[in-house]
């Protein structure tokens, strides 16, 4: 991502998410923004606080650093939530009811073609197909990010490149994930996760149990991973054989109101721990689903939510309370 280079003084950082806001995202954004540009300091697992970075401001008013992370040059964001990557960075600008994209090597965002949105929550990019959960509209929408993108199997032929998906009966849907021929929606108001895949006429419920206000979703090779926000945990449902799926609690500790989740190409799992104003990483054993948790060196986070990882090892976070999107380069992601 091309960003003007400036000299920035940064204090050392500690080594080491979607919201139920569809009733009034604008009011929520105003309340969270009132906390100021730095928000609360991140708290480590041991209870100590990370150092706060000094930031430098460009002539256009965009901060260029937040700890070891860079502030991307999005403009006019109001309560950004979901984040996805692929030929750029795509952000759900929830209180503005829009989806915007910052293309690779471009300093200027573009408005994507979704229309009629009502408190959108999250976005997933599957080979140029974009899927958005429209929380207030109780639906999932598809639109193509490029003309050559393959058409999702549930759509019909036609000139429009925006379609509603096959998910019905939704109540305040939040997380959405598409990949590997499967499409997942977190039906937050109904405390369930739905899955649709080729060969099915209707979606099916994934056998997660005990969900309380589920939120973000991604997937490991074993199966879908969902943030069970109300229970402060992250769950995996995986196959033990062709006909049996079991639920596993992943080895995160100390979570407080987590929201977003992402999985990188190495199988590490990232979660925005919103109540602690931090982003945590689980470097995981793919067999036992246990591993080492670390805190990533973001500074000044205020209610982080959406998170995405690209195939180069870079990480992107929607810092919702500060109305900005941060990028952590792969060199700091360890």
Protein backbone atom coordinates (compact mmCIF):
# COMPACT_ATOMS: atom_id res chain seq x y z
CA UNK A 1 0.00 0.00 0.00
CA UNK A 2 1.63 3.26 -1.05
CA UNK A 3 1.69 5.74 1.84
CA UNK A 4 3.68 8.96 2.17
CA UNK A 5 6.79 8.30 4.22
CA UNK A 6 7.24 10.49 7.30
CA UNK A 7 9.55 10.30 10.28
CA UNK A 8 7.57 9.02 13.24
CA UNK A 9 8.56 8.74 16.88
CA UNK A 10 7.17 5.48 18.24
CA UNK A 11 7.42 4.20 21.78
CA UNK A 12 8.03 0.44 22.17
CA UNK A 13 4.90 -1.66 22.06
CA UNK A 14 4.27 -4.91 23.85
CA UNK A 15 5.44 -7.85 21.80
CA UNK A 16 3.56 -10.34 21.55
CA UNK A 17 -13.85 -8.60 15.24
CA UNK A 18 -18.56 -7.13 14.23
CA UNK A 19 -20.96 -5.37 16.65
CA UNK A 20 -24.56 -5.70 17.72
CA UNK A 21 -25.08 -2.06 16.74
CA UNK A 22 -27.68 -2.23 14.01
CA UNK A 23 -30.22 -0.24 15.99
CA UNK A 24 -28.18 2.97 15.79
CA UNK A 25 -24.66 2.68 14.39
CA UNK A 26 -24.27 6.45 14.07
CA UNK A 27 -25.02 7.02 17.74
CA UNK A 28 -22.65 4.24 18.76
CA UNK A 29 -19.90 5.66 16.58
CA UNK A 30 -20.26 9.08 18.17
CA UNK A 31 -20.07 7.57 21.62
CA UNK A 32 -16.96 5.51 20.91
CA UNK A 33 -15.21 8.33 19.07
CA UNK A 34 -15.67 10.56 22.13
CA UNK A 35 -12.99 8.48 23.86
CA UNK A 36 -10.40 10.37 21.81
CA UNK A 37 -7.90 9.40 19.13
CA UNK A 38 -5.91 7.02 21.27
CA UNK A 39 -8.65 5.17 23.13
CA UNK A 40 -7.63 2.93 26.01
CA UNK A 41 -4.21 1.30 26.26
CA UNK A 42 -3.97 -2.36 25.31
CA UNK A 43 -3.67 -4.73 28.24
CA UNK A 44 -1.40 -7.76 28.15
CA UNK A 45 -2.31 -11.15 29.54
CA UNK A 46 -0.28 -10.26 32.62
CA UNK A 47 -2.34 -7.12 33.16
CA UNK A 48 0.31 -4.55 32.19
CA UNK A 49 -0.31 -1.78 29.69
CA UNK A 50 1.45 -1.33 26.39
CA UNK A 51 3.27 1.90 25.55
CA UNK A 52 1.33 4.47 23.56
CA UNK A 53 2.87 5.49 20.25
CA UNK A 54 3.51 9.05 19.15
CA UNK A 55 1.76 9.64 15.84
CA UNK A 56 2.55 12.04 13.04
CA UNK A 57 -0.14 13.74 10.99
CA UNK A 58 0.02 14.48 7.28
CA UNK A 59 -1.20 17.67 5.65
CA UNK A 60 -4.50 15.95 4.90
CA UNK A 61 -5.00 15.00 8.54
CA UNK A 62 -4.38 11.24 8.24
CA UNK A 63 -2.26 9.67 10.98
CA UNK A 64 0.60 7.57 9.66
CA UNK A 65 1.45 5.29 12.58
CA UNK A 66 -0.18 3.54 15.51
CA UNK A 67 2.52 1.64 17.35
CA UNK A 68 4.10 -0.67 14.79
CA UNK A 69 1.03 -0.37 12.55
CA UNK A 70 0.27 2.07 9.73
CA UNK A 71 -2.99 3.99 9.40
CA UNK A 72 -4.37 3.45 5.90
CA UNK A 73 -5.63 6.53 4.00
CA UNK A 74 -9.36 5.85 4.08
CA UNK A 75 -11.47 9.00 4.32
CA UNK A 76 -14.73 9.79 6.11
CA UNK A 77 -15.12 6.47 7.89
CA UNK A 78 -17.87 6.30 10.49
CA UNK A 79 -17.96 3.13 12.56
CA UNK A 80 -15.92 0.84 10.27
CA UNK A 81 -16.52 -2.82 11.05
CA UNK A 82 -15.65 -5.63 8.64
CA UNK A 83 -12.37 -5.82 6.71
CA UNK A 84 -11.34 -8.03 3.78
CA UNK A 85 -8.32 -8.14 1.47
CA UNK A 86 -7.75 -9.01 -2.17
CA UNK A 87 -6.38 -6.59 -4.82
CA UNK A 88 -6.63 -4.01 -2.05
CA UNK A 89 -8.32 -3.50 1.30
CA UNK A 90 -12.13 -3.53 1.54
CA UNK A 91 -13.94 -2.00 4.52
CA UNK A 92 -17.55 -2.02 5.68
CA UNK A 93 -18.22 1.62 6.64
CA UNK A 94 -21.26 0.74 8.70
CA UNK A 95 -22.71 4.06 9.86
CA UNK A 96 -22.36 5.43 6.32
CA UNK A 97 -24.11 2.32 4.92
CA UNK A 98 -21.44 1.71 2.33
CA UNK A 99 -18.49 -0.52 1.39
CA UNK A 100 -15.26 1.17 0.31
CA UNK A 101 -12.03 -0.13 -1.18
CA UNK A 102 -8.46 1.08 -1.19
CA UNK A 103 -6.79 -0.53 -4.19
CA UNK A 104 -3.17 -1.66 -4.12
CA UNK A 105 -0.73 1.23 -4.56
CA UNK A 106 -3.58 3.74 -4.51
CA UNK A 107 -4.03 6.56 -1.96
CA UNK A 108 -7.67 7.08 -2.96
CA UNK A 109 -10.62 4.94 -1.93
CA UNK A 110 -13.49 3.92 -4.20
CA UNK A 111 -17.13 3.24 -3.38
CA UNK A 112 -18.25 -0.30 -4.23
CA UNK A 113 -21.57 -1.08 -5.86
CA UNK A 114 -23.64 -2.31 -2.91
CA UNK A 115 -26.89 -0.34 -2.62
CA UNK A 116 -29.65 -0.06 -0.04
CA UNK A 117 -27.45 -1.15 2.84
CA UNK A 118 -28.74 -0.81 6.39
CA UNK A 119 -26.04 -1.11 9.06
CA UNK A 120 -23.79 -3.55 7.15
CA UNK A 121 -21.52 -5.61 9.38
CA UNK A 122 -18.86 -7.64 7.60
CA UNK A 123 -17.36 -8.52 4.23
CA UNK A 124 -15.63 -11.55 2.74
CA UNK A 125 -13.68 -11.74 -0.52
CA UNK A 126 -13.64 -15.04 -2.41
CA UNK A 127 -11.60 -14.71 -5.62
CA UNK A 128 -13.17 -11.38 -6.53
CA UNK A 129 -16.64 -12.18 -5.25
CA UNK A 130 -17.58 -9.95 -2.33
CA UNK A 131 -20.14 -11.01 0.27
CA UNK A 132 -21.60 -8.49 2.72
CA UNK A 133 -23.83 -9.15 5.72
CA UNK A 134 -26.42 -6.39 5.85
CA UNK A 135 -27.34 -6.51 9.54
CA UNK A 136 -30.28 -4.12 9.52
CA UNK A 137 -31.49 -5.51 6.21
CA UNK A 138 -31.35 -9.09 7.56
CA UNK A 139 -29.75 -10.39 4.36
CA UNK A 140 -26.47 -11.31 2.69
CA UNK A 141 -25.48 -9.63 -0.57
CA UNK A 142 -23.07 -10.63 -3.29
CA UNK A 143 -21.32 -8.32 -5.71
CA UNK A 144 -18.30 -8.81 -7.92
CA UNK A 145 -15.14 -6.81 -7.39
CA UNK A 146 -14.10 -7.49 -10.99
CA UNK A 147 -15.89 -8.38 -14.20
CA UNK A 148 -14.10 -11.71 -14.61
CA UNK A 149 -15.00 -13.06 -11.17
CA UNK A 150 -16.81 -16.41 -11.13
CA UNK A 151 -20.52 -16.23 -10.37
CA UNK A 152 -21.68 -17.79 -7.07
CA UNK A 153 -23.62 -21.00 -7.71
CA UNK A 154 -26.89 -19.73 -6.22
CA UNK A 155 -27.26 -16.81 -8.64
CA UNK A 156 -29.03 -16.71 -11.97
CA UNK A 157 -27.65 -15.20 -15.15
CA UNK A 158 -28.37 -11.54 -15.76
CA UNK A 159 -26.86 -8.10 -16.11
CA UNK A 160 -26.90 -7.16 -12.42
CA UNK A 161 -23.83 -8.04 -10.38
CA UNK A 162 -25.54 -7.66 -7.00
CA UNK A 163 -27.69 -10.47 -5.64
CA UNK A 164 -29.25 -11.55 -2.39
CA UNK A 165 -28.05 -14.95 -1.22
CA UNK A 166 -30.09 -18.04 -0.30
CA UNK A 167 -30.05 -17.29 3.44
CA UNK A 168 -33.52 -16.63 4.83
CA UNK A 169 -34.93 -16.12 8.31
CA UNK A 170 -31.89 -14.14 9.39
CA UNK A 171 -31.96 -11.88 12.42
CA UNK A 172 -29.19 -9.28 12.59
CA UNK A 173 -26.54 -11.27 10.65
CA UNK A 174 -22.96 -10.33 11.46
CA UNK A 175 -20.02 -12.42 10.29
CA UNK A 176 -19.80 -13.76 6.75
CA UNK A 177 -17.15 -15.98 5.17
CA UNK A 178 -16.78 -17.51 1.72
CA UNK A 179 -14.10 -19.98 0.72
CA UNK A 180 -13.44 -23.54 -0.34
CA UNK A 181 -16.82 -23.83 -2.02
CA UNK A 182 -18.73 -23.06 1.18
CA UNK A 183 -20.52 -19.91 2.33
CA UNK A 184 -21.04 -19.16 6.03
CA UNK A 185 -23.24 -16.58 7.76
CA UNK A 186 -23.32 -15.85 11.48
CA UNK A 187 -27.01 -15.39 12.25
CA UNK A 188 -26.33 -13.45 15.43
CA UNK A 189 -29.89 -12.77 16.53
CA UNK A 190 -30.71 -16.48 16.30
CA UNK A 191 -27.42 -17.62 17.91
CA UNK A 192 -26.50 -19.92 15.05
CA UNK A 193 -24.15 -20.27 12.08
CA UNK A 194 -25.52 -21.21 8.66
CA UNK A 195 -23.61 -22.93 5.85
CA UNK A 196 -24.48 -23.24 2.18
CA UNK A 197 -22.44 -25.32 -0.27
CA UNK A 198 -22.79 -26.74 -3.74
CA UNK A 199 -25.29 -29.56 -3.99
CA UNK A 200 -27.61 -28.14 -1.35
CA UNK A 201 -30.90 -26.41 -2.05
CA UNK A 202 -30.99 -24.57 1.27
CA UNK A 203 -28.45 -23.62 3.95
CA UNK A 204 -27.86 -25.88 6.94
CA UNK A 205 -27.02 -25.04 10.55
CA UNK A 206 -23.42 -25.76 11.53
CA UNK A 207 -23.42 -27.78 14.80
CA UNK A 208 -21.99 -25.12 17.09
CA UNK A 209 -23.55 -25.38 20.56
CA UNK A 210 -24.15 -22.87 23.34
CA UNK A 211 -23.60 -19.79 21.20
CA UNK A 212 -24.29 -16.42 22.81
CA UNK A 213 -24.15 -13.43 20.48
CA UNK A 214 -21.79 -15.02 17.92
CA UNK A 215 -19.95 -12.58 15.68
CA UNK A 216 -16.95 -12.91 13.35
CA UNK A 217 -16.21 -16.02 11.31
CA UNK A 218 -13.33 -17.47 9.30
CA UNK A 219 -12.13 -21.00 8.56
CA UNK A 220 -9.25 -23.37 9.16
CA UNK A 221 -8.66 -26.34 6.84
CA UNK A 222 -10.56 -28.40 9.46
CA UNK A 223 -13.69 -26.26 9.39
CA UNK A 224 -15.29 -22.94 10.35
CA UNK A 225 -14.04 -20.82 13.26
CA UNK A 226 -16.51 -18.47 14.98
CA UNK A 227 -16.16 -15.87 17.72
CA UNK A 228 -18.67 -16.66 20.48
CA UNK A 229 -18.62 -13.11 21.76
CA UNK A 230 -21.06 -13.42 24.66
CA UNK A 231 -19.09 -16.36 26.07
CA UNK A 232 -15.64 -14.80 25.46
CA UNK A 233 -14.36 -17.75 23.46
CA UNK A 234 -13.48 -18.87 19.92
CA UNK A 235 -14.87 -22.14 18.56
CA UNK A 236 -13.97 -24.56 15.77
CA UNK A 237 -16.28 -27.17 14.29
CA UNK A 238 -14.33 -29.89 12.48
CA UNK A 239 -14.98 -33.34 11.01
CA UNK A 240 -13.91 -36.47 12.83
CA UNK A 241 -15.18 -38.50 9.87
CA UNK A 242 -17.35 -37.91 6.81
CA UNK A 243 -20.54 -37.77 8.87
CA UNK A 244 -19.49 -36.39 12.25
CA UNK A 245 -18.57 -32.85 13.27
CA UNK A 246 -17.32 -31.88 16.73
CA UNK A 247 -16.87 -28.54 18.47
CA UNK A 248 -13.54 -27.46 19.97
CA UNK A 249 -12.77 -24.38 22.07
CA UNK A 250 -9.54 -22.83 20.77
CA UNK A 251 -6.84 -21.95 23.28
CA UNK A 252 -7.33 -18.20 23.66
CA UNK A 253 -7.25 -16.83 27.22
CA UNK A 254 -8.41 -13.60 28.85
CA UNK A 255 -10.77 -12.54 26.07
CA UNK A 256 -13.26 -9.78 26.84
CA UNK A 257 -15.99 -9.15 24.28
CA UNK A 258 -14.08 -10.48 21.24
CA UNK A 259 -15.49 -9.73 17.79
CA UNK A 260 -13.50 -10.38 14.61
CA UNK A 261 -11.45 -13.41 13.58
CA UNK A 262 -9.04 -14.17 10.74
CA UNK A 263 -6.86 -17.12 9.76
CA UNK A 264 -3.59 -16.75 7.87
CA UNK A 265 -1.98 -19.12 5.39
CA UNK A 266 0.05 -20.77 8.15
CA UNK A 267 -3.03 -21.58 10.21
CA UNK A 268 -2.50 -18.94 12.88
CA UNK A 269 -5.75 -17.45 14.22
CA UNK A 270 -6.20 -13.74 15.01
CA UNK A 271 -8.94 -12.23 17.17
CA UNK A 272 -9.87 -8.64 17.95
CA UNK A 273 -10.27 -8.62 21.72
CA UNK A 274 -12.42 -5.50 21.80
CA UNK A 275 -13.00 -5.23 25.55
CA UNK A 276 -9.24 -5.27 26.12
CA UNK A 277 -8.47 -3.01 23.12
CA UNK A 278 -5.96 -5.44 21.67
CA UNK A 279 -5.44 -7.96 18.86
CA UNK A 280 -4.28 -11.43 19.87
CA UNK A 281 -2.72 -14.21 17.82
CA UNK A 282 -2.84 -17.95 18.46
CA UNK A 283 0.05 -19.76 16.80
CA UNK A 284 -1.63 -23.11 16.75
CA UNK A 285 -0.78 -26.78 16.49
CA UNK A 286 -3.10 -27.95 13.68
CA UNK A 287 -3.57 -31.36 15.29
CA UNK A 288 -4.28 -30.46 18.92
CA UNK A 289 -5.73 -26.97 18.24
CA UNK A 290 -3.67 -25.63 21.14
CA UNK A 291 -0.85 -23.15 20.87
CA UNK A 292 0.85 -19.99 22.03
CA UNK A 293 -1.08 -16.73 22.41
CA UNK A 294 0.65 -13.41 21.77
CA UNK A 295 -0.43 -9.77 21.71
CA UNK A 296 0.32 -7.89 18.49
CA UNK A 297 1.96 -4.43 18.62
CA UNK A 298 -0.97 -2.17 17.81
CA UNK A 299 -1.18 1.02 19.90
CA UNK A 300 -4.11 3.26 20.85
CA UNK A 301 -6.84 0.84 19.80
CA UNK A 302 -10.40 1.82 20.68
CA UNK A 303 -12.93 -0.97 20.22
CA UNK A 304 -11.24 -2.94 17.40
CA UNK A 305 -13.61 -5.17 15.44
CA UNK A 306 -12.92 -6.56 11.96
CA UNK A 307 -9.61 -8.23 11.13
CA UNK A 308 -8.14 -9.74 7.96
CA UNK A 309 -4.84 -11.36 6.97
CA UNK A 310 -3.38 -11.29 3.47
CA UNK A 311 -1.27 -13.99 1.82
CA UNK A 312 1.94 -12.07 2.56
CA UNK A 313 1.49 -12.18 6.33
CA UNK A 314 0.24 -8.59 6.74
CA UNK A 315 -2.68 -7.94 9.11
CA UNK A 316 -5.50 -5.37 8.80
CA UNK A 317 -7.74 -4.20 11.65
CA UNK A 318 -10.80 -1.95 11.79
CA UNK A 319 -10.15 0.33 14.77
CA UNK A 320 -13.82 1.17 15.10
CA UNK A 321 -13.79 3.71 17.92
CA UNK A 322 -11.08 5.72 16.16
CA UNK A 323 -12.77 5.46 12.73
CA UNK A 324 -9.66 4.15 11.01
CA UNK A 325 -8.13 1.00 9.51
CA UNK A 326 -4.65 -0.17 10.50
CA UNK A 327 -2.12 -2.33 8.69
CA UNK A 328 0.51 -4.32 10.58
CA UNK A 329 3.33 -5.36 8.26
CA UNK A 330 4.44 -8.98 8.36
CA UNK A 331 7.74 -8.02 10.00
CA UNK A 332 5.88 -7.12 13.19
CA UNK A 333 3.49 -10.06 13.02
CA UNK A 334 5.21 -12.69 15.11
